[in-house]
Amino acid sequence: MFFNAHVYFAKRIDKNLNSLKVLGSMFPDFAKTGLITWDDLHKRQPILDFSAFVDQTAPEFKPFVQGIIYHNNLDYTSHFEYKNEKPGYAYTNITTELFELARQALKIEDQRVRVSCHNLIEASVDYHLLKKTLGTVELIKQSSKEVNREKLTELISTYFKKDKETMAKGIDEFFEFVIGYDLRSFEEWVRLFVDLNKSYLNIVVSEEDTRKLLELSFGLTKDTWEEYLLTSISSFNNDVKDND
């Protein structure tokens, strides 16, 4: 899921949400910067290893780890299993029409097309959520101001054995990505995906093609997105899941 859905999920299951939990609920996607891998904070054992490190060296960041677990749980229902069926919601909602349209626009191998289509489906959940629910945008912005970035940089750079200055720039880049788009606007989603395809896939997709992909994906989930989130919330059990 995209960050607004992750924060909404965390807010619904945690009555004591704070800025570290909010940031943790988004932070596994810090992998977008290339400074950590997608597996580093998405899969079960790496998350447990990071949690043990925090317990031993920086227990004040335990709420941050809890947020990562929230992220992990929602991704499980999106990627791997939803309503006891596999794969998860984002992948089962990829239609042949969406896949073929994405393949024509992106001109990349089929596996990466499939991943991009799942991103489009996840974006559609965020879009519908923001149209109906208030508060997540403001909560994300406020939390980004409250988190001590210097201490966060120290923690992340030490654990992943990366240069602090490089990691600090990456964290700033991640915050800018999270708060840099007004995703209550459809056109801002177009801008985000044009930028995302440039930075992540190193390809240029026209605004027209991006708009068509988003319009289709948003239509595919308009009747099911809310049930998906409510079902995911009700099934949360705080286990760390493996999203293989």
C-alpha atoms as a PDB file:
ATOM      1  CA  MET A   1       0.000   0.000   0.000  1.00  0.00           C
ATOM      2  CA  PHE A   2       0.942   3.648  -0.298  1.00  0.00           C
ATOM      3  CA  PHE A   3       1.701   5.713   2.791  1.00  0.00           C
ATOM      4  CA  ASN A   4      -1.744   7.171   3.500  1.00  0.00           C
ATOM      5  CA  ALA A   5      -3.322   3.724   3.654  1.00  0.00           C
ATOM      6  CA  HIS A   6      -0.502   2.508   5.897  1.00  0.00           C
ATOM      7  CA  VAL A   7      -0.984   5.416   8.300  1.00  0.00           C
ATOM      8  CA  TYR A   8      -4.763   5.005   8.266  1.00  0.00           C
ATOM      9  CA  PHE A   9      -4.316   1.310   9.073  1.00  0.00           C
ATOM     10  CA  ALA A  10      -1.967   2.145  11.963  1.00  0.00           C
ATOM     11  CA  LYS A  11      -4.341   4.803  13.262  1.00  0.00           C
ATOM     12  CA  ARG A  12      -7.308   2.437  13.279  1.00  0.00           C
ATOM     13  CA  ILE A  13      -5.560  -0.355  15.184  1.00  0.00           C
ATOM     14  CA  ASP A  14      -3.505   1.749  17.611  1.00  0.00           C
ATOM     15  CA  LYS A  15      -5.258   4.166  19.953  1.00  0.00           C
ATOM     16  CA  ASN A  16      -1.860   5.355  21.235  1.00  0.00           C
ATOM     17  CA  LEU A  17      -0.338   6.254  17.896  1.00  0.00           C
ATOM     18  CA  ASN A  18       2.661   8.587  17.993  1.00  0.00           C
ATOM     19  CA  SER A  19       5.049  10.094  15.461  1.00  0.00           C
ATOM     20  CA  LEU A  20       7.504   7.179  15.603  1.00  0.00           C
ATOM     21  CA  LYS A  21       4.742   4.653  14.899  1.00  0.00           C
ATOM     22  CA  VAL A  22       3.469   6.807  12.042  1.00  0.00           C
ATOM     23  CA  LEU A  23       6.934   6.999  10.512  1.00  0.00           C
ATOM     24  CA  GLY A  24       7.546   3.281  11.069  1.00  0.00           C
ATOM     25  CA  SER A  25       4.287   2.452   9.308  1.00  0.00           C
ATOM     26  CA  MET A  26       5.709   4.061   6.153  1.00  0.00           C
ATOM     27  CA  PHE A  27       9.449   3.471   6.524  1.00  0.00           C
ATOM     28  CA  PRO A  28       9.913   0.035   4.886  1.00  0.00           C
ATOM     29  CA  ASP A  29       9.320   1.883   1.613  1.00  0.00           C
ATOM     30  CA  PHE A  30      12.477   3.881   2.366  1.00  0.00           C
ATOM     31  CA  ALA A  31      13.888   1.198   0.057  1.00  0.00           C
ATOM     32  CA  LYS A  32      12.732   3.501  -2.753  1.00  0.00           C
ATOM     33  CA  THR A  33      15.919   5.509  -2.128  1.00  0.00           C
ATOM     34  CA  GLY A  34      18.122   2.498  -2.898  1.00  0.00           C
ATOM     35  CA  LEU A  35      19.930   2.816   0.449  1.00  0.00           C
ATOM     36  CA  ILE A  36      18.339  -0.382   1.768  1.00  0.00           C
ATOM     37  CA  THR A  37      16.823  -3.290  -0.148  1.00  0.00           C
ATOM     38  CA  TRP A  38      13.116  -4.063  -0.394  1.00  0.00           C
ATOM     39  CA  ASP A  39      13.661  -7.176   1.700  1.00  0.00           C
ATOM     40  CA  ASP A  40      15.458  -5.365   4.547  1.00  0.00           C
ATOM     41  CA  LEU A  41      12.306  -4.112   6.305  1.00  0.00           C
ATOM     42  CA  HIS A  42       9.577  -6.007   4.479  1.00  0.00           C
ATOM     43  CA  LYS A  43      10.323  -9.639   5.289  1.00  0.00           C
ATOM     44  CA  ARG A  44       9.841 -11.398   8.602  1.00  0.00           C
ATOM     45  CA  GLN A  45      13.359 -12.359   9.669  1.00  0.00           C
ATOM     46  CA  PRO A  46      15.014  -9.054   8.724  1.00  0.00           C
ATOM     47  CA  ILE A  47      12.314  -7.196  10.681  1.00  0.00           C
ATOM     48  CA  LEU A  48      12.850  -9.433  13.708  1.00  0.00           C
ATOM     49  CA  ASP A  49      16.616  -8.873  13.473  1.00  0.00           C
ATOM     50  CA  PHE A  50      16.152  -5.110  13.316  1.00  0.00           C
ATOM     51  CA  SER A  51      13.725  -5.267  16.241  1.00  0.00           C
ATOM     52  CA  ALA A  52      16.303  -7.134  18.344  1.00  0.00           C
ATOM     53  CA  PHE A  53      18.919  -4.509  17.462  1.00  0.00           C
ATOM     54  CA  VAL A  54      16.575  -1.709  18.559  1.00  0.00           C
ATOM     55  CA  ASP A  55      15.774  -3.532  21.804  1.00  0.00           C
ATOM     56  CA  GLN A  56      19.467  -3.766  22.624  1.00  0.00           C
ATOM     57  CA  THR A  57      20.758  -0.401  21.427  1.00  0.00           C
ATOM     58  CA  ALA A  58      17.933   2.128  21.131  1.00  0.00           C
ATOM     59  CA  PRO A  59      14.800   1.010  23.013  1.00  0.00           C
ATOM     60  CA  GLU A  60      13.273   4.471  22.615  1.00  0.00           C
ATOM     61  CA  PHE A  61      12.701   3.451  18.978  1.00  0.00           C
ATOM     62  CA  LYS A  62      10.495   0.468  19.849  1.00  0.00           C
ATOM     63  CA  PRO A  63       7.418   2.416  18.658  1.00  0.00           C
ATOM     64  CA  PHE A  64       9.172   2.837  15.301  1.00  0.00           C
ATOM     65  CA  VAL A  65       9.511  -0.951  15.042  1.00  0.00           C
ATOM     66  CA  GLN A  66       5.837  -1.343  15.955  1.00  0.00           C
ATOM     67  CA  GLY A  67       4.978   0.893  13.028  1.00  0.00           C
ATOM     68  CA  ILE A  68       7.075  -1.321  10.747  1.00  0.00           C
ATOM     69  CA  ILE A  69       5.030  -4.313  11.948  1.00  0.00           C
ATOM     70  CA  TYR A  70       1.843  -2.439  11.037  1.00  0.00           C
ATOM     71  CA  HIS A  71       3.292  -1.847   7.567  1.00  0.00           C
ATOM     72  CA  ASN A  72       4.216  -5.519   7.288  1.00  0.00           C
ATOM     73  CA  ASN A  73       0.688  -6.672   8.154  1.00  0.00           C
ATOM     74  CA  LEU A  74      -1.073  -4.464   5.623  1.00  0.00           C
ATOM     75  CA  ASP A  75       1.388  -5.398   2.896  1.00  0.00           C
ATOM     76  CA  TYR A  76       0.656  -9.059   3.637  1.00  0.00           C
ATOM     77  CA  THR A  77      -3.018  -8.658   2.746  1.00  0.00           C
ATOM     78  CA  SER A  78      -2.108  -6.538  -0.262  1.00  0.00           C
ATOM     79  CA  HIS A  79       0.650  -8.767  -1.633  1.00  0.00           C
ATOM     80  CA  PHE A  80       0.322 -12.296  -0.339  1.00  0.00           C
ATOM     81  CA  GLU A  81      -3.037 -13.365   1.082  1.00  0.00           C
ATOM     82  CA  TYR A  82      -6.448 -11.709   1.435  1.00  0.00           C
ATOM     83  CA  LYS A  83      -9.587 -13.424   2.745  1.00  0.00           C
ATOM     84  CA  ASN A  84      -7.672 -16.718   2.886  1.00  0.00           C
ATOM     85  CA  GLU A  85      -6.920 -16.564  -0.831  1.00  0.00           C
ATOM     86  CA  LYS A  86      -3.628 -15.946  -2.617  1.00  0.00           C
ATOM     87  CA  PRO A  87      -2.257 -13.637  -3.858  1.00  0.00           C
ATOM     88  CA  GLY A  88      -3.277 -10.499  -2.000  1.00  0.00           C
ATOM     89  CA  TYR A  89      -5.708  -7.745  -2.895  1.00  0.00           C
ATOM     90  CA  ALA A  90      -3.396  -5.649  -5.077  1.00  0.00           C
ATOM     91  CA  TYR A  91      -2.408  -8.559  -7.288  1.00  0.00           C
ATOM     92  CA  THR A  92      -5.837 -10.169  -7.612  1.00  0.00           C
ATOM     93  CA  ASN A  93      -7.234  -6.842  -8.841  1.00  0.00           C
ATOM     94  CA  ILE A  94      -4.844  -6.659 -11.795  1.00  0.00           C
ATOM     95  CA  THR A  95      -6.969  -7.257 -14.877  1.00  0.00           C
ATOM     96  CA  THR A  96      -5.774  -8.251 -18.331  1.00  0.00           C
ATOM     97  CA  GLU A  97      -6.753  -4.791 -19.558  1.00  0.00           C
ATOM     98  CA  LEU A  98      -4.653  -3.037 -16.912  1.00  0.00           C
ATOM     99  CA  PHE A  99      -1.686  -5.346 -17.495  1.00  0.00           C
ATOM    100  CA  GLU A 100      -1.711  -4.862 -21.272  1.00  0.00           C
ATOM    101  CA  LEU A 101      -2.116  -1.100 -20.981  1.00  0.00           C
ATOM    102  CA  ALA A 102       0.794  -0.947 -18.535  1.00  0.00           C
ATOM    103  CA  ARG A 103       2.959  -3.184 -20.724  1.00  0.00           C
ATOM    104  CA  GLN A 104       2.402  -0.893 -23.719  1.00  0.00           C
ATOM    105  CA  ALA A 105       3.139   2.241 -21.689  1.00  0.00           C
ATOM    106  CA  LEU A 106       6.136   0.986 -19.703  1.00  0.00           C
ATOM    107  CA  LYS A 107       7.810  -1.289 -22.280  1.00  0.00           C
ATOM    108  CA  ILE A 108       9.519  -3.422 -19.632  1.00  0.00           C
ATOM    109  CA  GLU A 109       9.560  -7.150 -18.848  1.00  0.00           C
ATOM    110  CA  ASP A 110       6.308  -8.737 -17.681  1.00  0.00           C
ATOM    111  CA  GLN A 111       7.353  -9.308 -14.064  1.00  0.00           C
ATOM    112  CA  ARG A 112       8.123  -5.626 -13.583  1.00  0.00           C
ATOM    113  CA  VAL A 113       4.892  -4.719 -15.352  1.00  0.00           C
ATOM    114  CA  ARG A 114       3.036  -6.835 -12.802  1.00  0.00           C
ATOM    115  CA  VAL A 115       4.768  -5.050  -9.922  1.00  0.00           C
ATOM    116  CA  SER A 116       3.927  -1.675 -11.454  1.00  0.00           C
ATOM    117  CA  CYS A 117       0.290  -2.726 -11.846  1.00  0.00           C
ATOM    118  CA  HIS A 118       0.134  -3.684  -8.181  1.00  0.00           C
ATOM    119  CA  ASN A 119       1.479  -0.209  -7.373  1.00  0.00           C
ATOM    120  CA  LEU A 120      -1.355   1.299  -9.389  1.00  0.00           C
ATOM    121  CA  ILE A 121      -3.944  -0.765  -7.520  1.00  0.00           C
ATOM    122  CA  GLU A 122      -2.423   0.228  -4.181  1.00  0.00           C
ATOM    123  CA  ALA A 123      -2.429   3.876  -5.255  1.00  0.00           C
ATOM    124  CA  SER A 124      -6.129   3.593  -6.009  1.00  0.00           C
ATOM    125  CA  VAL A 125      -6.842   2.530  -2.421  1.00  0.00           C
ATOM    126  CA  ASP A 126      -4.993   5.631  -1.207  1.00  0.00           C
ATOM    127  CA  TYR A 127      -6.912   7.833  -3.621  1.00  0.00           C
ATOM    128  CA  HIS A 128     -10.346   6.585  -2.570  1.00  0.00           C
ATOM    129  CA  LEU A 129      -9.331   6.728   1.093  1.00  0.00           C
ATOM    130  CA  LEU A 130      -8.272  10.367   0.841  1.00  0.00           C
ATOM    131  CA  LYS A 131     -11.536  11.256  -0.873  1.00  0.00           C
ATOM    132  CA  LYS A 132     -13.533   9.885   2.055  1.00  0.00           C
ATOM    133  CA  THR A 133     -11.359  10.204   5.154  1.00  0.00           C
ATOM    134  CA  LEU A 134      -9.721  13.284   6.645  1.00  0.00           C
ATOM    135  CA  GLY A 135      -6.666  13.476   8.844  1.00  0.00           C
ATOM    136  CA  THR A 136      -3.978  11.189   7.468  1.00  0.00           C
ATOM    137  CA  VAL A 137      -2.256  13.885   5.393  1.00  0.00           C
ATOM    138  CA  GLU A 138      -2.045  16.227   8.358  1.00  0.00           C
ATOM    139  CA  LEU A 139      -0.919  13.408  10.669  1.00  0.00           C
ATOM    140  CA  ILE A 140       1.918  12.472   8.313  1.00  0.00           C
ATOM    141  CA  LYS A 141       3.085  16.064   7.992  1.00  0.00           C
ATOM    142  CA  GLN A 142       2.977  16.629  11.746  1.00  0.00           C
ATOM    143  CA  SER A 143       4.806  13.388  12.483  1.00  0.00           C
ATOM    144  CA  SER A 144       7.519  14.232   9.966  1.00  0.00           C
ATOM    145  CA  LYS A 145       8.192  17.408  11.930  1.00  0.00           C
ATOM    146  CA  GLU A 146       8.203  15.710  15.334  1.00  0.00           C
ATOM    147  CA  VAL A 147      10.568  12.815  14.594  1.00  0.00           C
ATOM    148  CA  ASN A 148      14.188  13.436  15.554  1.00  0.00           C
ATOM    149  CA  ARG A 149      15.859  12.886  12.196  1.00  0.00           C
ATOM    150  CA  GLU A 150      19.358  13.038  13.642  1.00  0.00           C
ATOM    151  CA  LYS A 151      18.683  10.151  16.022  1.00  0.00           C
ATOM    152  CA  LEU A 152      16.839   8.239  13.321  1.00  0.00           C
ATOM    153  CA  THR A 153      19.796   8.684  10.973  1.00  0.00           C
ATOM    154  CA  GLU A 154      22.157   7.418  13.665  1.00  0.00           C
ATOM    155  CA  LEU A 155      20.024   4.313  14.189  1.00  0.00           C
ATOM    156  CA  ILE A 156      19.522   3.459  10.519  1.00  0.00           C
ATOM    157  CA  SER A 157      23.071   4.208   9.381  1.00  0.00           C
ATOM    158  CA  THR A 158      24.545   2.146  12.236  1.00  0.00           C
ATOM    159  CA  TYR A 159      22.317  -0.858  11.638  1.00  0.00           C
ATOM    160  CA  PHE A 160      22.712  -0.899   7.866  1.00  0.00           C
ATOM    161  CA  LYS A 161      26.395   0.103   8.046  1.00  0.00           C
ATOM    162  CA  LYS A 162      25.999   3.136   5.786  1.00  0.00           C
ATOM    163  CA  ASP A 163      27.604   6.569   5.772  1.00  0.00           C
ATOM    164  CA  LYS A 164      25.635   8.913   8.031  1.00  0.00           C
ATOM    165  CA  GLU A 165      25.659  11.840   5.623  1.00  0.00           C
ATOM    166  CA  THR A 166      24.393   9.684   2.770  1.00  0.00           C
ATOM    167  CA  MET A 167      21.704   8.177   4.970  1.00  0.00           C
ATOM    168  CA  ALA A 168      20.635  11.616   6.240  1.00  0.00           C
ATOM    169  CA  LYS A 169      20.144  12.803   2.660  1.00  0.00           C
ATOM    170  CA  GLY A 170      18.167   9.661   1.907  1.00  0.00           C
ATOM    171  CA  ILE A 171      15.892  10.196   4.908  1.00  0.00           C
ATOM    172  CA  ASP A 172      15.281  13.803   3.833  1.00  0.00           C
ATOM    173  CA  GLU A 173      14.496  12.521   0.323  1.00  0.00           C
ATOM    174  CA  PHE A 174      12.048  10.002   1.749  1.00  0.00           C
ATOM    175  CA  PHE A 175      10.249  12.650   3.813  1.00  0.00           C
ATOM    176  CA  GLU A 176      10.022  14.868   0.748  1.00  0.00           C
ATOM    177  CA  PHE A 177       8.491  12.029  -1.266  1.00  0.00           C
ATOM    178  CA  VAL A 178       5.947  11.311   1.463  1.00  0.00           C
ATOM    179  CA  ILE A 179       4.768  14.901   1.922  1.00  0.00           C
ATOM    180  CA  GLY A 180       5.688  16.373  -1.460  1.00  0.00           C
ATOM    181  CA  TYR A 181       2.454  15.538  -3.289  1.00  0.00           C
ATOM    182  CA  ASP A 182      -1.117  16.590  -2.507  1.00  0.00           C
ATOM    183  CA  LEU A 183      -2.629  13.198  -3.213  1.00  0.00           C
ATOM    184  CA  ARG A 184      -6.167  14.399  -2.690  1.00  0.00           C
ATOM    185  CA  SER A 185      -5.770  15.591  -6.305  1.00  0.00           C
ATOM    186  CA  PHE A 186      -5.878  13.161  -9.219  1.00  0.00           C
ATOM    187  CA  GLU A 187      -3.345  15.226 -11.147  1.00  0.00           C
ATOM    188  CA  GLU A 188      -0.888  14.945  -8.268  1.00  0.00           C
ATOM    189  CA  TRP A 189      -1.117  11.167  -8.608  1.00  0.00           C
ATOM    190  CA  VAL A 190      -0.202  11.590 -12.251  1.00  0.00           C
ATOM    191  CA  ARG A 191       2.802  13.688 -11.261  1.00  0.00           C
ATOM    192  CA  LEU A 192       3.846  11.164  -8.599  1.00  0.00           C
ATOM    193  CA  PHE A 193       3.768   8.205 -11.005  1.00  0.00           C
ATOM    194  CA  VAL A 194       5.631  10.089 -13.721  1.00  0.00           C
ATOM    195  CA  ASP A 195       8.310  10.885 -11.123  1.00  0.00           C
ATOM    196  CA  LEU A 196       8.253   7.362  -9.681  1.00  0.00           C
ATOM    197  CA  ASN A 197       8.755   5.727 -13.057  1.00  0.00           C
ATOM    198  CA  LYS A 198      11.686   8.037 -13.764  1.00  0.00           C
ATOM    199  CA  SER A 199      13.410   7.411 -10.437  1.00  0.00           C
ATOM    200  CA  TYR A 200      12.574   3.739  -9.862  1.00  0.00           C
ATOM    201  CA  LEU A 201      12.310   2.236 -13.351  1.00  0.00           C
ATOM    202  CA  ASN A 202      14.449   4.834 -15.129  1.00  0.00           C
ATOM    203  CA  ILE A 203      11.830   5.254 -17.841  1.00  0.00           C
ATOM    204  CA  VAL A 204       9.739   8.180 -19.032  1.00  0.00           C
ATOM    205  CA  VAL A 205       6.013   7.532 -19.285  1.00  0.00           C
ATOM    206  CA  SER A 206       3.862  10.303 -20.684  1.00  0.00           C
ATOM    207  CA  GLU A 207       1.310  12.079 -18.539  1.00  0.00           C
ATOM    208  CA  GLU A 208      -1.398  10.902 -20.945  1.00  0.00           C
ATOM    209  CA  ASP A 209      -0.478   7.225 -20.560  1.00  0.00           C
ATOM    210  CA  THR A 210      -0.047   7.632 -16.798  1.00  0.00           C
ATOM    211  CA  ARG A 211      -3.463   9.234 -16.541  1.00  0.00           C
ATOM    212  CA  LYS A 212      -5.079   6.344 -18.431  1.00  0.00           C
ATOM    213  CA  LEU A 213      -3.427   3.779 -16.166  1.00  0.00           C
ATOM    214  CA  LEU A 214      -4.526   5.588 -13.021  1.00  0.00           C
ATOM    215  CA  GLU A 215      -8.079   6.110 -14.249  1.00  0.00           C
ATOM    216  CA  LEU A 216      -8.412   2.418 -14.998  1.00  0.00           C
ATOM    217  CA  SER A 217      -6.917   1.247 -11.711  1.00  0.00           C
ATOM    218  CA  PHE A 218      -8.991   3.706  -9.680  1.00  0.00           C
ATOM    219  CA  GLY A 219     -12.120   2.359 -11.348  1.00  0.00           C
ATOM    220  CA  LEU A 220     -11.146  -1.246 -10.638  1.00  0.00           C
ATOM    221  CA  THR A 221     -11.162  -0.721  -6.862  1.00  0.00           C
ATOM    222  CA  LYS A 222     -13.893   1.856  -6.332  1.00  0.00           C
ATOM    223  CA  ASP A 223     -16.349  -0.743  -4.978  1.00  0.00           C
ATOM    224  CA  THR A 224     -13.942  -2.874  -2.932  1.00  0.00           C
ATOM    225  CA  TRP A 225     -11.193  -0.644  -1.462  1.00  0.00           C
ATOM    226  CA  GLU A 226     -13.067   0.131   1.751  1.00  0.00           C
ATOM    227  CA  GLU A 227     -13.953  -3.482   2.473  1.00  0.00           C
ATOM    228  CA  TYR A 228     -10.323  -4.379   1.832  1.00  0.00           C
ATOM    229  CA  LEU A 229      -9.041  -1.936   4.456  1.00  0.00           C
ATOM    230  CA  LEU A 230     -11.701  -2.857   7.016  1.00  0.00           C
ATOM    231  CA  THR A 231     -11.021  -6.565   6.542  1.00  0.00           C
ATOM    232  CA  SER A 232      -7.277  -5.995   6.916  1.00  0.00           C
ATOM    233  CA  ILE A 233      -7.836  -3.973  10.081  1.00  0.00           C
ATOM    234  CA  SER A 234     -10.088  -6.610  11.631  1.00  0.00           C
ATOM    235  CA  SER A 235      -7.617  -9.405  10.868  1.00  0.00           C
ATOM    236  CA  PHE A 236      -4.567  -7.657  12.394  1.00  0.00           C
ATOM    237  CA  ASN A 237      -2.821  -9.767  15.056  1.00  0.00           C
ATOM    238  CA  ASN A 238       0.618  -8.089  15.463  1.00  0.00           C
ATOM    239  CA  ASP A 239       2.531 -11.092  14.114  1.00  0.00           C
ATOM    240  CA  VAL A 240       5.429 -10.326  11.786  1.00  0.00           C
ATOM    241  CA  LYS A 241       4.554 -12.008   8.511  1.00  0.00           C
ATOM    242  CA  ASP A 242       6.732 -13.228   5.669  1.00  0.00           C
ATOM    243  CA  ASN A 243       5.633 -11.651   2.406  1.00  0.00           C
ATOM    244  CA  ASP A 244       7.300 -14.147   0.062  1.00  0.00           C
END
